[in-house]
């Protein structure tokens, strides 16, 4: 892509659905509001970062 002078970025919405396998593990580290039927992880908490980004590594 770079050879074609095209730049990309990755945009994700980090909302965790109640249907997600790791929802129960993540739930204590989310905010009080839901967005698009998902809970929002509080990434200021190290455990939330570890769980969320660990899940991304598992599913790639």
PDB file of N, CA and C in Angstrom:
ATOM      1  N   UNK A   1       0.821  -1.179   0.000  1.00  0.00           N
ATOM      2  CA  UNK A   1       0.000   0.000   0.000  1.00  0.00           C
ATOM      3  C   UNK A   1       0.875   1.256   0.000  1.00  0.00           C
ATOM      4  N   UNK A   2       1.947   1.181   0.743  1.00  0.00           N
ATOM      5  CA  UNK A   2       2.810   2.358   0.813  1.00  0.00           C
ATOM      6  C   UNK A   2       3.426   2.671  -0.552  1.00  0.00           C
ATOM      7  N   UNK A   3       3.763   1.616  -1.309  1.00  0.00           N
ATOM      8  CA  UNK A   3       4.305   1.831  -2.651  1.00  0.00           C
ATOM      9  C   UNK A   3       3.313   2.548  -3.554  1.00  0.00           C
ATOM     10  N   UNK A   4       2.040   2.406  -3.250  1.00  0.00           N
ATOM     11  CA  UNK A   4       0.989   3.076  -4.028  1.00  0.00           C
ATOM     12  C   UNK A   4       0.588   4.398  -3.394  1.00  0.00           C
ATOM     13  N   UNK A   5       1.364   4.837  -2.395  1.00  0.00           N
ATOM     14  CA  UNK A   5       1.125   6.089  -1.679  1.00  0.00           C
ATOM     15  C   UNK A   5      -0.250   6.100  -0.993  1.00  0.00           C
ATOM     16  N   UNK A   6      -0.638   4.935  -0.461  1.00  0.00           N
ATOM     17  CA  UNK A   6      -1.898   4.815   0.268  1.00  0.00           C
ATOM     18  C   UNK A   6      -1.566   4.581   1.733  1.00  0.00           C
ATOM     19  N   UNK A   7      -2.160   5.369   2.613  1.00  0.00           N
ATOM     20  CA  UNK A   7      -1.948   5.229   4.050  1.00  0.00           C
ATOM     21  C   UNK A   7      -3.212   4.656   4.684  1.00  0.00           C
ATOM     22  N   UNK A   8      -3.022   3.768   5.653  1.00  0.00           N
ATOM     23  CA  UNK A   8      -4.139   3.117   6.332  1.00  0.00           C
ATOM     24  C   UNK A   8      -4.050   3.356   7.829  1.00  0.00           C
ATOM     25  N   UNK A   9      -5.194   3.272   8.473  1.00  0.00           N
ATOM     26  CA  UNK A   9      -5.181   3.215   9.928  1.00  0.00           C
ATOM     27  C   UNK A   9      -6.270   2.254  10.368  1.00  0.00           C
ATOM     28  N   UNK A  10      -6.133   1.776  11.576  1.00  0.00           N
ATOM     29  CA  UNK A  10      -7.090   0.827  12.124  1.00  0.00           C
ATOM     30  C   UNK A  10      -7.988   1.561  13.101  1.00  0.00           C
ATOM     31  N   UNK A  11      -9.270   1.404  12.920  1.00  0.00           N
ATOM     32  CA  UNK A  11     -10.233   2.036  13.805  1.00  0.00           C
ATOM     33  C   UNK A  11     -11.109   0.932  14.364  1.00  0.00           C
ATOM     34  N   UNK A  12     -11.105   0.782  15.671  1.00  0.00           N
ATOM     35  CA  UNK A  12     -11.982  -0.204  16.287  1.00  0.00           C
ATOM     36  C   UNK A  12     -12.859   0.487  17.325  1.00  0.00           C
ATOM     37  N   UNK A  13     -14.008  -0.057  17.530  1.00  0.00           N
ATOM     38  CA  UNK A  13     -14.883   0.395  18.601  1.00  0.00           C
ATOM     39  C   UNK A  13     -14.759  -0.646  19.709  1.00  0.00           C
ATOM     40  N   UNK A  14     -14.126  -0.286  20.816  1.00  0.00           N
ATOM     41  CA  UNK A  14     -13.800  -1.295  21.827  1.00  0.00           C
ATOM     42  C   UNK A  14     -14.952  -1.626  22.771  1.00  0.00           C
ATOM     43  N   UNK A  15     -16.128  -1.792  22.236  1.00  0.00           N
ATOM     44  CA  UNK A  15     -17.281  -2.120  23.058  1.00  0.00           C
ATOM     45  C   UNK A  15     -17.373  -3.629  23.215  1.00  0.00           C
ATOM     46  N   UNK A  16     -17.657  -4.075  24.425  1.00  0.00           N
ATOM     47  CA  UNK A  16     -17.700  -5.503  24.713  1.00  0.00           C
ATOM     48  C   UNK A  16     -19.156  -5.937  24.875  1.00  0.00           C
ATOM     49  N   UNK A  17     -19.595  -6.779  23.980  1.00  0.00           N
ATOM     50  CA  UNK A  17     -20.961  -7.297  24.000  1.00  0.00           C
ATOM     51  C   UNK A  17     -21.140  -8.285  25.147  1.00  0.00           C
ATOM     52  N   UNK A  18     -22.354  -8.353  25.673  1.00  0.00           N
ATOM     53  CA  UNK A  18     -22.658  -9.351  26.701  1.00  0.00           C
ATOM     54  C   UNK A  18     -22.556 -10.762  26.136  1.00  0.00           C
ATOM     55  N   UNK A  19     -22.521 -10.885  24.822  1.00  0.00           N
ATOM     56  CA  UNK A  19     -22.379 -12.185  24.165  1.00  0.00           C
ATOM     57  C   UNK A  19     -20.910 -12.593  24.013  1.00  0.00           C
ATOM     58  N   UNK A  20     -19.985 -11.687  24.280  1.00  0.00           N
ATOM     59  CA  UNK A  20     -18.556 -11.981  24.120  1.00  0.00           C
ATOM     60  C   UNK A  20     -18.096 -12.996  25.156  1.00  0.00           C
ATOM     61  N   UNK A  21     -17.192 -13.866  24.758  1.00  0.00           N
ATOM     62  CA  UNK A  21     -16.663 -14.897  25.665  1.00  0.00           C
ATOM     63  C   UNK A  21     -15.983 -14.305  26.888  1.00  0.00           C
ATOM     64  N   UNK A  22     -15.403 -13.140  26.737  1.00  0.00           N
ATOM     65  CA  UNK A  22     -14.658 -12.545  27.843  1.00  0.00           C
ATOM     66  C   UNK A  22     -15.440 -11.441  28.557  1.00  0.00           C
ATOM     67  N   UNK A  23     -16.737 -11.357  28.301  1.00  0.00           N
ATOM     68  CA  UNK A  23     -17.573 -10.312  28.918  1.00  0.00           C
ATOM     69  C   UNK A  23     -17.515 -10.356  30.448  1.00  0.00           C
ATOM     70  N   UNK A  24     -17.714 -11.520  31.053  1.00  0.00           N
ATOM     71  CA  UNK A  24     -17.734 -11.612  32.519  1.00  0.00           C
ATOM     72  C   UNK A  24     -16.396 -11.202  33.123  1.00  0.00           C
ATOM     73  N   UNK A  25     -15.337 -11.544  32.443  1.00  0.00           N
ATOM     74  CA  UNK A  25     -14.004 -11.177  32.909  1.00  0.00           C
ATOM     75  C   UNK A  25     -13.790  -9.663  32.794  1.00  0.00           C
ATOM     76  N   UNK A  26     -14.328  -9.056  31.742  1.00  0.00           N
ATOM     77  CA  UNK A  26     -14.126  -7.628  31.485  1.00  0.00           C
ATOM     78  C   UNK A  26     -15.095  -6.738  32.255  1.00  0.00           C
ATOM     79  N   UNK A  27     -16.266  -7.235  32.547  1.00  0.00           N
ATOM     80  CA  UNK A  27     -17.335  -6.424  33.119  1.00  0.00           C
ATOM     81  C   UNK A  27     -16.943  -5.576  34.335  1.00  0.00           C
ATOM     82  N   UNK A  28     -16.138  -6.079  35.272  1.00  0.00           N
ATOM     83  CA  UNK A  28     -15.770  -5.236  36.415  1.00  0.00           C
ATOM     84  C   UNK A  28     -14.931  -4.010  36.042  1.00  0.00           C
ATOM     85  N   UNK A  29     -14.401  -3.999  34.842  1.00  0.00           N
ATOM     86  CA  UNK A  29     -13.500  -2.926  34.411  1.00  0.00           C
ATOM     87  C   UNK A  29     -14.117  -2.047  33.323  1.00  0.00           C
ATOM     88  N   UNK A  30     -15.442  -1.955  33.309  1.00  0.00           N
ATOM     89  CA  UNK A  30     -16.125  -1.132  32.309  1.00  0.00           C
ATOM     90  C   UNK A  30     -16.793   0.067  32.967  1.00  0.00           C
ATOM     91  N   UNK A  31     -17.192   1.019  32.126  1.00  0.00           N
ATOM     92  CA  UNK A  31     -17.888   2.199  32.615  1.00  0.00           C
ATOM     93  C   UNK A  31     -19.336   1.901  32.949  1.00  0.00           C
ATOM     94  N   UNK A  32     -20.050   2.928  33.323  1.00  0.00           N
ATOM     95  CA  UNK A  32     -21.430   2.747  33.762  1.00  0.00           C
ATOM     96  C   UNK A  32     -22.444   2.852  32.620  1.00  0.00           C
ATOM     97  N   UNK A  33     -22.008   3.188  31.429  1.00  0.00           N
ATOM     98  CA  UNK A  33     -22.913   3.364  30.297  1.00  0.00           C
ATOM     99  C   UNK A  33     -22.600   2.341  29.207  1.00  0.00           C
ATOM    100  N   UNK A  34     -23.616   1.993  28.460  1.00  0.00           N
ATOM    101  CA  UNK A  34     -23.413   1.098  27.329  1.00  0.00           C
ATOM    102  C   UNK A  34     -23.463   1.907  26.034  1.00  0.00           C
ATOM    103  N   UNK A  35     -22.811   1.373  25.025  1.00  0.00           N
ATOM    104  CA  UNK A  35     -22.793   1.990  23.701  1.00  0.00           C
ATOM    105  C   UNK A  35     -23.021   0.888  22.687  1.00  0.00           C
ATOM    106  N   UNK A  36     -23.996   1.060  21.835  1.00  0.00           N
ATOM    107  CA  UNK A  36     -24.306   0.069  20.803  1.00  0.00           C
ATOM    108  C   UNK A  36     -24.422  -1.330  21.407  1.00  0.00           C
ATOM    109  N   UNK A  37     -25.099  -1.425  22.510  1.00  0.00           N
ATOM    110  CA  UNK A  37     -25.349  -2.684  23.208  1.00  0.00           C
ATOM    111  C   UNK A  37     -24.058  -3.353  23.696  1.00  0.00           C
ATOM    112  N   UNK A  38     -23.067  -2.555  24.005  1.00  0.00           N
ATOM    113  CA  UNK A  38     -21.832  -3.081  24.555  1.00  0.00           C
ATOM    114  C   UNK A  38     -21.350  -2.208  25.684  1.00  0.00           C
ATOM    115  N   UNK A  39     -20.530  -2.774  26.547  1.00  0.00           N
ATOM    116  CA  UNK A  39     -19.949  -2.000  27.636  1.00  0.00           C
ATOM    117  C   UNK A  39     -18.581  -1.481  27.208  1.00  0.00           C
ATOM    118  N   UNK A  40     -18.220  -0.336  27.756  1.00  0.00           N
ATOM    119  CA  UNK A  40     -16.988   0.338  27.364  1.00  0.00           C
ATOM    120  C   UNK A  40     -15.896   0.062  28.393  1.00  0.00           C
ATOM    121  N   UNK A  41     -14.818  -0.608  27.995  1.00  0.00           N
ATOM    122  CA  UNK A  41     -13.720  -0.861  28.936  1.00  0.00           C
ATOM    123  C   UNK A  41     -13.073   0.448  29.389  1.00  0.00           C
ATOM    124  N   UNK A  42     -12.661   0.480  30.640  1.00  0.00           N
ATOM    125  CA  UNK A  42     -11.919   1.618  31.170  1.00  0.00           C
ATOM    126  C   UNK A  42     -10.438   1.307  31.013  1.00  0.00           C
ATOM    127  N   UNK A  43      -9.847   1.807  29.944  1.00  0.00           N
ATOM    128  CA  UNK A  43      -8.462   1.485  29.629  1.00  0.00           C
ATOM    129  C   UNK A  43      -7.454   2.178  30.539  1.00  0.00           C
ATOM    130  N   UNK A  44      -7.922   2.968  31.498  1.00  0.00           N
ATOM    131  CA  UNK A  44      -6.995   3.511  32.495  1.00  0.00           C
ATOM    132  C   UNK A  44      -6.657   2.450  33.539  1.00  0.00           C
ATOM    133  N   UNK A  45      -7.414   1.349  33.546  1.00  0.00           N
ATOM    134  CA  UNK A  45      -7.186   0.247  34.481  1.00  0.00           C
ATOM    135  C   UNK A  45      -6.346  -0.819  33.773  1.00  0.00           C
ATOM    136  N   UNK A  46      -5.175  -1.130  34.311  1.00  0.00           N
ATOM    137  CA  UNK A  46      -4.293  -2.098  33.641  1.00  0.00           C
ATOM    138  C   UNK A  46      -4.963  -3.443  33.339  1.00  0.00           C
ATOM    139  N   UNK A  47      -5.798  -3.939  34.246  1.00  0.00           N
ATOM    140  CA  UNK A  47      -6.465  -5.223  34.017  1.00  0.00           C
ATOM    141  C   UNK A  47      -7.374  -5.161  32.792  1.00  0.00           C
ATOM    142  N   UNK A  48      -8.043  -4.041  32.596  1.00  0.00           N
ATOM    143  CA  UNK A  48      -8.918  -3.881  31.421  1.00  0.00           C
ATOM    144  C   UNK A  48      -8.095  -3.943  30.142  1.00  0.00           C
ATOM    145  N   UNK A  49      -6.962  -3.280  30.138  1.00  0.00           N
ATOM    146  CA  UNK A  49      -6.075  -3.318  28.958  1.00  0.00           C
ATOM    147  C   UNK A  49      -5.590  -4.735  28.710  1.00  0.00           C
ATOM    148  N   UNK A  50      -5.152  -5.409  29.771  1.00  0.00           N
ATOM    149  CA  UNK A  50      -4.629  -6.769  29.626  1.00  0.00           C
ATOM    150  C   UNK A  50      -5.691  -7.716  29.057  1.00  0.00           C
ATOM    151  N   UNK A  51      -6.902  -7.635  29.587  1.00  0.00           N
ATOM    152  CA  UNK A  51      -7.974  -8.526  29.134  1.00  0.00           C
ATOM    153  C   UNK A  51      -8.346  -8.221  27.696  1.00  0.00           C
ATOM    154  N   UNK A  52      -8.609  -6.951  27.392  1.00  0.00           N
ATOM    155  CA  UNK A  52      -9.083  -6.578  26.055  1.00  0.00           C
ATOM    156  C   UNK A  52      -8.038  -6.864  24.982  1.00  0.00           C
ATOM    157  N   UNK A  53      -6.826  -6.379  25.187  1.00  0.00           N
ATOM    158  CA  UNK A  53      -5.803  -6.557  24.161  1.00  0.00           C
ATOM    159  C   UNK A  53      -5.288  -7.997  24.124  1.00  0.00           C
ATOM    160  N   UNK A  54      -5.362  -8.691  25.246  1.00  0.00           N
ATOM    161  CA  UNK A  54      -5.058 -10.113  25.248  1.00  0.00           C
ATOM    162  C   UNK A  54      -6.040 -10.885  24.386  1.00  0.00           C
ATOM    163  N   UNK A  55      -7.304 -10.488  24.434  1.00  0.00           N
ATOM    164  CA  UNK A  55      -8.322 -11.133  23.600  1.00  0.00           C
ATOM    165  C   UNK A  55      -8.047 -10.877  22.120  1.00  0.00           C
ATOM    166  N   UNK A  56      -7.620  -9.675  21.788  1.00  0.00           N
ATOM    167  CA  UNK A  56      -7.291  -9.381  20.380  1.00  0.00           C
ATOM    168  C   UNK A  56      -6.152 -10.276  19.906  1.00  0.00           C
ATOM    169  N   UNK A  57      -5.170 -10.502  20.748  1.00  0.00           N
ATOM    170  CA  UNK A  57      -4.045 -11.351  20.374  1.00  0.00           C
ATOM    171  C   UNK A  57      -4.499 -12.800  20.192  1.00  0.00           C
ATOM    172  N   UNK A  58      -5.452 -13.265  21.008  1.00  0.00           N
ATOM    173  CA  UNK A  58      -5.950 -14.632  20.906  1.00  0.00           C
ATOM    174  C   UNK A  58      -6.704 -14.884  19.602  1.00  0.00           C
ATOM    175  N   UNK A  59      -7.386 -13.873  19.105  1.00  0.00           N
ATOM    176  CA  UNK A  59      -8.285 -14.058  17.968  1.00  0.00           C
ATOM    177  C   UNK A  59      -7.714 -13.604  16.639  1.00  0.00           C
ATOM    178  N   UNK A  60      -6.447 -13.296  16.578  1.00  0.00           N
ATOM    179  CA  UNK A  60      -5.915 -12.863  15.279  1.00  0.00           C
ATOM    180  C   UNK A  60      -5.530 -14.007  14.426  1.00  0.00           C
TER     181      UNK A  60
END
